[in-house]
Amino acid sequence: MKPDRRQMVGVAAAVVALVLLSMIKGTNAFGSSTQDPRLTACGVGLNSANVPIASFELPAASKIWDYLPELGISPELSSDNNPAFVVVFQDGFRITVAGKPGNSGIATLSGVVCVIPSNGVPIFYSEVSRVGFHAP
C-alpha cells in the first residue's frame, strides 16, 4: 500500500525534529557524539568536571601568548608556526593520576589549558592564570 502525502509529510517532520533535537544535544541522529575529536582529546566529556570556557584555532601555536599572556615559558610552542587548537577549562579539571600500585587517585586542577599543536598530541598546562585571557 502506497503511503499518502500526509503520512510522508509526517515522517519528514519527525526526521527533521530528530535531526534538530540531535543538534541541540550534540549527538547525531544515531546517538553518537558529534563533538570535535580535539575536544575529546583534551578531556572534554571525560567527566562532568572538565568544562571548557573556550576553544579556538590559532593560525600559529606561537601566537598563544596573544590570547593567554600568563601562560609562561613553553619552548614547545614558542617556535611553532603551525596551526594549533586550544581549549581553556574552568577550574576543577579532574584527571586520574597514577602512583604506586594501589595509590592512584583523582587530582583536581585549576587553570588548565590544553593545546593541540600540528603533531596532534595534546599538551596540558595547569595553574595558568586567566588574567588577560581572551579568545580570538
Protein backbone atom coordinates (compact mmCIF):
# COMPACT_ATOMS: atom_id res chain seq x y z
CA MET A 1 0.00 0.00 0.00
CA LYS A 2 1.41 3.36 -1.06
CA PRO A 3 1.65 5.95 1.78
CA ASP A 4 -0.40 9.08 1.23
CA ARG A 5 1.01 12.59 1.19
CA ARG A 6 0.04 13.30 4.83
CA GLN A 7 1.95 10.25 6.07
CA MET A 8 5.04 11.26 4.09
CA VAL A 9 4.86 14.82 5.47
CA GLY A 10 4.50 13.40 8.98
CA VAL A 11 7.55 11.15 8.56
CA ALA A 12 9.58 14.03 7.09
CA ALA A 13 8.60 16.26 10.04
CA ALA A 14 9.64 13.54 12.51
CA VAL A 15 13.03 13.16 10.80
CA VAL A 16 13.60 16.93 10.84
CA ALA A 17 12.63 17.06 14.54
CA LEU A 18 15.04 14.21 15.32
CA VAL A 19 17.89 15.93 13.48
CA LEU A 20 17.20 19.27 15.19
CA LEU A 21 17.00 17.61 18.61
CA SER A 22 20.26 15.78 17.99
CA MET A 23 21.96 19.04 17.01
CA ILE A 24 20.82 20.65 20.26
CA LYS A 25 22.03 17.65 22.29
CA GLY A 26 25.36 17.47 20.44
CA THR A 27 24.76 13.98 19.10
CA ASN A 28 23.93 12.79 15.64
CA ALA A 29 20.67 11.03 14.79
CA PHE A 30 22.23 7.68 15.72
CA GLY A 31 23.17 8.81 19.24
CA SER A 32 26.93 9.14 18.80
CA SER A 33 28.73 12.33 19.72
CA THR A 34 29.37 14.94 17.08
CA GLN A 35 31.86 16.71 19.35
CA ASP A 36 35.09 17.82 17.75
CA PRO A 37 37.55 14.97 18.42
CA ARG A 38 40.15 17.51 19.55
CA LEU A 39 37.88 18.46 22.45
CA THR A 40 37.70 14.80 23.42
CA ALA A 41 41.50 14.51 23.19
CA CYS A 42 41.73 17.43 25.63
CA GLY A 43 39.45 15.73 28.17
CA VAL A 44 36.08 17.32 27.42
CA GLY A 45 33.45 14.73 28.26
CA LEU A 46 35.88 12.63 30.30
CA ASN A 47 33.85 13.57 33.34
CA SER A 48 31.39 16.28 34.28
CA ALA A 49 34.10 18.44 35.90
CA ASN A 50 36.05 19.09 32.68
CA VAL A 51 34.09 22.04 31.38
CA PRO A 52 35.65 24.24 28.70
CA ILE A 53 35.39 28.02 28.93
CA ALA A 54 36.57 28.44 25.34
CA SER A 55 38.07 26.52 22.46
CA PHE A 56 39.60 28.08 19.39
CA GLU A 57 42.01 27.68 16.50
CA LEU A 58 45.28 29.56 16.32
CA PRO A 59 46.96 30.28 12.98
CA ALA A 60 50.26 29.54 14.71
CA ALA A 61 50.90 27.92 18.10
CA SER A 62 53.45 30.63 18.84
CA LYS A 63 50.59 33.17 18.91
CA ILE A 64 49.12 31.67 22.09
CA TRP A 65 50.58 34.47 24.25
CA ASP A 66 48.42 36.96 22.33
CA TYR A 67 45.39 35.26 23.95
CA LEU A 68 46.84 33.77 27.16
CA PRO A 69 49.57 36.21 28.21
CA GLU A 70 50.10 34.44 31.56
CA LEU A 71 50.88 31.01 30.07
CA GLY A 72 54.53 31.28 30.99
CA ILE A 73 57.51 29.68 29.30
CA SER A 74 56.66 27.00 26.76
CA PRO A 75 59.54 26.24 24.39
CA GLU A 76 57.48 23.63 22.55
CA LEU A 77 55.09 26.36 21.38
CA SER A 78 57.29 29.45 21.14
CA SER A 79 58.84 28.48 17.81
CA ASP A 80 55.88 26.55 16.35
CA ASN A 81 54.42 28.50 13.42
CA ASN A 82 51.93 25.76 12.54
CA PRO A 83 48.22 25.94 13.44
CA ALA A 84 47.10 24.78 16.88
CA PHE A 85 43.83 24.13 18.70
CA VAL A 86 43.37 25.50 22.23
CA VAL A 87 40.91 24.59 24.98
CA VAL A 88 40.72 26.66 28.17
CA PHE A 89 38.93 24.97 31.08
CA GLN A 90 37.11 26.29 34.08
CA ASP A 91 38.72 25.44 37.41
CA GLY A 92 38.06 21.98 38.79
CA PHE A 93 39.53 19.93 35.91
CA ARG A 94 39.75 16.33 37.11
CA ILE A 95 42.24 13.76 35.95
CA THR A 96 43.25 10.32 37.15
CA VAL A 97 46.81 10.20 38.41
CA ALA A 98 48.81 7.03 38.66
CA GLY A 99 51.05 6.36 41.57
CA LYS A 100 52.41 3.29 43.21
CA PRO A 101 50.15 0.27 42.76
CA GLY A 102 47.07 0.84 44.86
CA ASN A 103 47.93 4.51 45.29
CA SER A 104 46.18 6.05 42.28
CA GLY A 105 43.64 8.78 42.62
CA ILE A 106 41.91 11.77 41.17
CA ALA A 107 43.64 15.13 41.00
CA THR A 108 41.62 18.32 40.73
CA LEU A 109 43.48 21.05 38.87
CA SER A 110 42.88 24.71 38.19
CA GLY A 111 43.96 26.92 35.31
CA VAL A 112 44.07 24.03 32.84
CA VAL A 113 44.81 24.79 29.19
CA CYS A 114 45.13 22.13 26.51
CA VAL A 115 46.97 22.90 23.29
CA ILE A 116 46.98 20.53 20.34
CA PRO A 117 49.78 21.56 18.00
CA SER A 118 50.14 20.36 14.43
CA ASN A 119 51.56 16.99 15.52
CA GLY A 120 48.16 16.19 17.08
CA VAL A 121 49.49 15.34 20.56
CA PRO A 122 47.74 17.34 23.30
CA ILE A 123 49.91 19.36 25.68
CA PHE A 124 48.35 20.18 29.05
CA TYR A 125 49.27 23.14 31.23
CA SER A 126 47.88 23.75 34.70
CA GLU A 127 47.86 26.68 37.11
CA VAL A 128 47.67 29.08 34.15
CA SER A 129 46.27 32.44 35.20
CA ARG A 130 43.42 33.66 33.00
CA VAL A 131 44.31 37.30 33.65
CA GLY A 132 44.27 38.96 30.25
CA PHE A 133 42.75 35.91 28.56
CA HIS A 134 40.55 36.47 25.54
CA ALA A 135 39.53 34.20 22.71
CA PRO A 136 40.07 35.30 19.12
